[in-house]
C-alpha atoms as a PDB file:
ATOM      1  CA  UNK A   1     -23.538  -1.805 -25.345  1.00  0.00           C
ATOM      2  CA  UNK A   2     -20.649   0.646 -26.926  1.00  0.00           C
ATOM      3  CA  UNK A   3     -19.438   3.429 -25.353  1.00  0.00           C
ATOM      4  CA  UNK A   4     -20.585   2.043 -21.797  1.00  0.00           C
ATOM      5  CA  UNK A   5     -17.781   2.380 -19.136  1.00  0.00           C
ATOM      6  CA  UNK A   6     -16.505  -1.293 -18.130  1.00  0.00           C
ATOM      7  CA  UNK A   7     -17.970  -2.494 -14.988  1.00  0.00           C
ATOM      8  CA  UNK A   8     -14.921  -1.966 -12.153  1.00  0.00           C
ATOM      9  CA  UNK A   9     -12.279  -4.692 -11.342  1.00  0.00           C
ATOM     10  CA  UNK A  10     -12.414  -6.090  -7.804  1.00  0.00           C
ATOM     11  CA  UNK A  11      -9.582  -7.650  -5.851  1.00  0.00           C
ATOM     12  CA  UNK A  12     -10.407  -8.464  -2.811  1.00  0.00           C
ATOM     13  CA  UNK A  13      -7.629  -9.478  -0.097  1.00  0.00           C
ATOM     14  CA  UNK A  14      -7.999 -11.605   3.167  1.00  0.00           C
ATOM     15  CA  UNK A  15      -6.415 -10.705   6.247  1.00  0.00           C
ATOM     16  CA  UNK A  16      -4.358 -13.961   5.808  1.00  0.00           C
ATOM     17  CA  UNK A  17      -3.240 -13.299   2.129  1.00  0.00           C
ATOM     18  CA  UNK A  18      -1.972  -9.859   3.401  1.00  0.00           C
ATOM     19  CA  UNK A  19      -0.215 -11.697   6.219  1.00  0.00           C
ATOM     20  CA  UNK A  20       1.435 -13.614   3.414  1.00  0.00           C
ATOM     21  CA  UNK A  21       1.881 -11.011   1.287  1.00  0.00           C
ATOM     22  CA  UNK A  22       3.248  -8.324   3.935  1.00  0.00           C
ATOM     23  CA  UNK A  23       5.518 -11.965   5.132  1.00  0.00           C
ATOM     24  CA  UNK A  24       6.878 -12.029   1.716  1.00  0.00           C
ATOM     25  CA  UNK A  25       7.462  -8.125   1.335  1.00  0.00           C
ATOM     26  CA  UNK A  26       9.856  -8.788   4.734  1.00  0.00           C
ATOM     27  CA  UNK A  27      11.838 -11.874   2.764  1.00  0.00           C
ATOM     28  CA  UNK A  28      12.280  -9.674  -0.054  1.00  0.00           C
ATOM     29  CA  UNK A  29      13.599  -7.102   1.645  1.00  0.00           C
ATOM     30  CA  UNK A  30      15.834  -8.574   3.931  1.00  0.00           C
ATOM     31  CA  UNK A  31      19.034  -8.071   1.783  1.00  0.00           C
ATOM     32  CA  UNK A  32      18.783  -4.546   3.172  1.00  0.00           C
ATOM     33  CA  UNK A  33      20.592  -5.268   6.042  1.00  0.00           C
ATOM     34  CA  UNK A  34      19.742  -3.440   9.342  1.00  0.00           C
ATOM     35  CA  UNK A  35      17.385  -1.233   9.284  1.00  0.00           C
ATOM     36  CA  UNK A  36      17.636   2.253  11.246  1.00  0.00           C
ATOM     37  CA  UNK A  37      13.507   1.898  11.470  1.00  0.00           C
ATOM     38  CA  UNK A  38      10.194   1.819   9.262  1.00  0.00           C
ATOM     39  CA  UNK A  39       8.418   4.363   8.099  1.00  0.00           C
ATOM     40  CA  UNK A  40       4.160   3.124   7.909  1.00  0.00           C
ATOM     41  CA  UNK A  41       2.425   5.416   5.299  1.00  0.00           C
ATOM     42  CA  UNK A  42      -1.037   6.200   7.211  1.00  0.00           C
ATOM     43  CA  UNK A  43      -3.600   4.436   7.520  1.00  0.00           C
ATOM     44  CA  UNK A  44      -3.030   1.477   5.001  1.00  0.00           C
ATOM     45  CA  UNK A  45       0.728   0.942   5.639  1.00  0.00           C
ATOM     46  CA  UNK A  46       0.308   0.726   9.273  1.00  0.00           C
ATOM     47  CA  UNK A  47      -0.359  -3.601   9.001  1.00  0.00           C
ATOM     48  CA  UNK A  48       1.994  -3.968   6.321  1.00  0.00           C
ATOM     49  CA  UNK A  49       4.590  -1.578   8.399  1.00  0.00           C
ATOM     50  CA  UNK A  50       4.111  -3.942  11.520  1.00  0.00           C
ATOM     51  CA  UNK A  51       4.220  -7.555   9.879  1.00  0.00           C
ATOM     52  CA  UNK A  52       7.439  -6.118   8.081  1.00  0.00           C
ATOM     53  CA  UNK A  53       8.878  -4.673  11.148  1.00  0.00           C
ATOM     54  CA  UNK A  54       8.251  -7.615  13.027  1.00  0.00           C
ATOM     55  CA  UNK A  55       9.790 -10.141  10.439  1.00  0.00           C
ATOM     56  CA  UNK A  56      13.138  -7.973   9.981  1.00  0.00           C
ATOM     57  CA  UNK A  57      13.173  -7.373  14.007  1.00  0.00           C
ATOM     58  CA  UNK A  58      12.965  -3.919  13.578  1.00  0.00           C
ATOM     59  CA  UNK A  59      11.327  -2.067  16.767  1.00  0.00           C
ATOM     60  CA  UNK A  60      11.625   1.879  15.761  1.00  0.00           C
ATOM     61  CA  UNK A  61       8.352   2.570  13.794  1.00  0.00           C
ATOM     62  CA  UNK A  62       7.899   6.040  12.940  1.00  0.00           C
ATOM     63  CA  UNK A  63       4.442   7.157  11.006  1.00  0.00           C
ATOM     64  CA  UNK A  64       4.005   9.877   7.909  1.00  0.00           C
ATOM     65  CA  UNK A  65       0.152  10.721   7.180  1.00  0.00           C
ATOM     66  CA  UNK A  66      -0.485  11.797   3.721  1.00  0.00           C
ATOM     67  CA  UNK A  67      -4.601  13.046   2.956  1.00  0.00           C
ATOM     68  CA  UNK A  68      -5.306  12.725  -0.446  1.00  0.00           C
ATOM     69  CA  UNK A  69      -9.095  12.005  -0.317  1.00  0.00           C
ATOM     70  CA  UNK A  70     -12.366  13.400   0.859  1.00  0.00           C
ATOM     71  CA  UNK A  71     -14.116   9.914   1.414  1.00  0.00           C
ATOM     72  CA  UNK A  72     -14.272   9.110  -2.596  1.00  0.00           C
ATOM     73  CA  UNK A  73     -12.976  12.060  -3.909  1.00  0.00           C
ATOM     74  CA  UNK A  74      -9.265  13.011  -4.456  1.00  0.00           C
ATOM     75  CA  UNK A  75      -8.253  16.282  -3.494  1.00  0.00           C
ATOM     76  CA  UNK A  76      -4.773  17.915  -3.145  1.00  0.00           C
ATOM     77  CA  UNK A  77      -2.420  15.968  -1.100  1.00  0.00           C
ATOM     78  CA  UNK A  78      -1.138  17.288   2.297  1.00  0.00           C
ATOM     79  CA  UNK A  79       0.846  15.937   5.113  1.00  0.00           C
ATOM     80  CA  UNK A  80      -0.808  16.146   8.557  1.00  0.00           C
ATOM     81  CA  UNK A  81       1.663  14.355  10.359  1.00  0.00           C
ATOM     82  CA  UNK A  82       5.855  14.299   9.122  1.00  0.00           C
ATOM     83  CA  UNK A  83       8.224  11.803   9.872  1.00  0.00           C
ATOM     84  CA  UNK A  84       9.973  13.735  12.074  1.00  0.00           C
ATOM     85  CA  UNK A  85      12.378  10.881  13.712  1.00  0.00           C
ATOM     86  CA  UNK A  86      13.474   9.545   9.451  1.00  0.00           C
ATOM     87  CA  UNK A  87      15.700  12.603   8.924  1.00  0.00           C
ATOM     88  CA  UNK A  88      16.120  12.569   5.103  1.00  0.00           C
ATOM     89  CA  UNK A  89      15.167   8.609   5.169  1.00  0.00           C
ATOM     90  CA  UNK A  90      18.737   7.315   5.008  1.00  0.00           C
ATOM     91  CA  UNK A  91      18.974   4.126   6.547  1.00  0.00           C
ATOM     92  CA  UNK A  92      14.336   3.622   7.033  1.00  0.00           C
ATOM     93  CA  UNK A  93      12.415   1.665   5.379  1.00  0.00           C
ATOM     94  CA  UNK A  94       9.070   3.520   3.968  1.00  0.00           C
ATOM     95  CA  UNK A  95       6.130   1.041   3.717  1.00  0.00           C
ATOM     96  CA  UNK A  96       3.068   1.550   2.610  1.00  0.00           C
ATOM     97  CA  UNK A  97      -0.115  -1.394   1.483  1.00  0.00           C
ATOM     98  CA  UNK A  98      -0.367  -0.066  -1.918  1.00  0.00           C
ATOM     99  CA  UNK A  99       1.373   2.653  -4.828  1.00  0.00           C
ATOM    100  CA  UNK A 100      -1.737   3.459  -7.054  1.00  0.00           C
ATOM    101  CA  UNK A 101      -1.708   6.928  -9.204  1.00  0.00           C
ATOM    102  CA  UNK A 102       1.840   7.711  -7.034  1.00  0.00           C
ATOM    103  CA  UNK A 103       0.361  10.756  -5.669  1.00  0.00           C
ATOM    104  CA  UNK A 104       1.131  10.046  -2.447  1.00  0.00           C
ATOM    105  CA  UNK A 105       4.274   8.331  -3.044  1.00  0.00           C
ATOM    106  CA  UNK A 106       5.550  11.277  -4.740  1.00  0.00           C
ATOM    107  CA  UNK A 107       4.851  13.695  -1.731  1.00  0.00           C
ATOM    108  CA  UNK A 108       6.745  11.093   0.569  1.00  0.00           C
ATOM    109  CA  UNK A 109       9.566  10.552  -1.442  1.00  0.00           C
ATOM    110  CA  UNK A 110      10.090  14.062  -1.394  1.00  0.00           C
ATOM    111  CA  UNK A 111       9.882  13.955   2.422  1.00  0.00           C
ATOM    112  CA  UNK A 112      12.240  10.759   2.720  1.00  0.00           C
ATOM    113  CA  UNK A 113      14.373  10.689  -0.838  1.00  0.00           C
ATOM    114  CA  UNK A 114      16.886   8.472   1.209  1.00  0.00           C
ATOM    115  CA  UNK A 115      14.574   5.726   1.951  1.00  0.00           C
ATOM    116  CA  UNK A 116      14.269   2.240   0.566  1.00  0.00           C
ATOM    117  CA  UNK A 117      10.207   2.204  -0.537  1.00  0.00           C
ATOM    118  CA  UNK A 118       8.164  -0.636  -0.449  1.00  0.00           C
ATOM    119  CA  UNK A 119       4.611  -1.927  -0.805  1.00  0.00           C
ATOM    120  CA  UNK A 120       2.681  -5.003  -0.515  1.00  0.00           C
ATOM    121  CA  UNK A 121       0.693  -4.168  -4.307  1.00  0.00           C
ATOM    122  CA  UNK A 122       1.474  -1.713  -7.129  1.00  0.00           C
ATOM    123  CA  UNK A 123      -0.519  -0.627  -9.820  1.00  0.00           C
ATOM    124  CA  UNK A 124       1.172   0.515 -13.104  1.00  0.00           C
ATOM    125  CA  UNK A 125       0.737   4.169 -12.812  1.00  0.00           C
ATOM    126  CA  UNK A 126       2.396   4.274  -9.075  1.00  0.00           C
ATOM    127  CA  UNK A 127       5.310   1.253  -9.612  1.00  0.00           C
ATOM    128  CA  UNK A 128       8.362   3.178 -11.024  1.00  0.00           C
ATOM    129  CA  UNK A 129       8.316   4.982  -7.188  1.00  0.00           C
ATOM    130  CA  UNK A 130       8.620   2.042  -5.194  1.00  0.00           C
ATOM    131  CA  UNK A 131      12.081  -0.125  -4.885  1.00  0.00           C
ATOM    132  CA  UNK A 132      10.206  -2.989  -4.169  1.00  0.00           C
ATOM    133  CA  UNK A 133       6.899  -4.802  -4.071  1.00  0.00           C
ATOM    134  CA  UNK A 134       5.157  -8.175  -3.940  1.00  0.00           C
ATOM    135  CA  UNK A 135       1.982  -8.396  -6.403  1.00  0.00           C
ATOM    136  CA  UNK A 136       0.881  -5.832  -9.072  1.00  0.00           C
ATOM    137  CA  UNK A 137      -2.509  -5.673 -10.261  1.00  0.00           C
ATOM    138  CA  UNK A 138      -4.423  -3.637 -13.592  1.00  0.00           C
ATOM    139  CA  UNK A 139      -5.042   0.290 -12.848  1.00  0.00           C
ATOM    140  CA  UNK A 140      -8.558  -0.249 -13.089  1.00  0.00           C
ATOM    141  CA  UNK A 141      -8.720  -2.756 -10.311  1.00  0.00           C
ATOM    142  CA  UNK A 142      -9.764  -1.665  -6.899  1.00  0.00           C
ATOM    143  CA  UNK A 143      -8.061  -3.377  -4.003  1.00  0.00           C
ATOM    144  CA  UNK A 144     -10.600  -4.167  -1.410  1.00  0.00           C
ATOM    145  CA  UNK A 145      -8.471  -4.739   1.606  1.00  0.00           C
ATOM    146  CA  UNK A 146      -9.835  -6.748   5.185  1.00  0.00           C
ATOM    147  CA  UNK A 147      -9.927  -3.341   6.619  1.00  0.00           C
ATOM    148  CA  UNK A 148     -12.296  -1.622   4.708  1.00  0.00           C
ATOM    149  CA  UNK A 149     -14.849  -5.040   3.889  1.00  0.00           C
ATOM    150  CA  UNK A 150     -16.714  -7.388   5.870  1.00  0.00           C
ATOM    151  CA  UNK A 151     -18.055 -10.920   4.858  1.00  0.00           C
ATOM    152  CA  UNK A 152     -21.742 -11.174   3.311  1.00  0.00           C
ATOM    153  CA  UNK A 153     -23.382 -13.418   1.078  1.00  0.00           C
ATOM    154  CA  UNK A 154     -23.010 -12.928  -2.655  1.00  0.00           C
ATOM    155  CA  UNK A 155     -25.171 -14.858  -5.269  1.00  0.00           C
ATOM    156  CA  UNK A 156     -23.864 -17.449  -7.263  1.00  0.00           C
ATOM    157  CA  UNK A 157     -22.383 -16.533 -10.886  1.00  0.00           C
ATOM    158  CA  UNK A 158     -25.083 -18.460 -12.447  1.00  0.00           C
ATOM    159  CA  UNK A 159     -27.600 -16.028 -11.225  1.00  0.00           C
ATOM    160  CA  UNK A 160     -26.424 -12.848 -12.712  1.00  0.00           C
ATOM    161  CA  UNK A 161     -24.765 -14.092 -15.967  1.00  0.00           C
ATOM    162  CA  UNK A 162     -28.178 -13.529 -17.857  1.00  0.00           C
ATOM    163  CA  UNK A 163     -29.501 -14.838 -20.768  1.00  0.00           C
END
């Protein structure tokens, strides 16, 4: 059908995979040396930040909260909790689960311009805003994180393939 929008792409990430990918991110960040602390971008960055902080033996964890969505509607970004302990970011690692369009990344970069910014997953529009990431996915892919999903039955592909 001409003009029909393509079906959205989904990339489901399990708890195990998120842990492996976050640990891979920590391996990649080993060269940064000793950190003053880690800043997790809430909420998605909390779990990757905890894993990375553990692997890098960093005990000081700060958070920054930027709200960009109201349910599924994108709005104007608002900082609802600044990362007070991190200053301008010098010596700090900023961690998020995903950089998508770069909306949140631009806001936190302005708050912590000297921090090293790392994400587990990156989409092309936001990728230039981060210093380190593990896996790139296409811009039209929706990542299904384990905290947003639950296991359920899925019909075999053959049932939905049509004639």
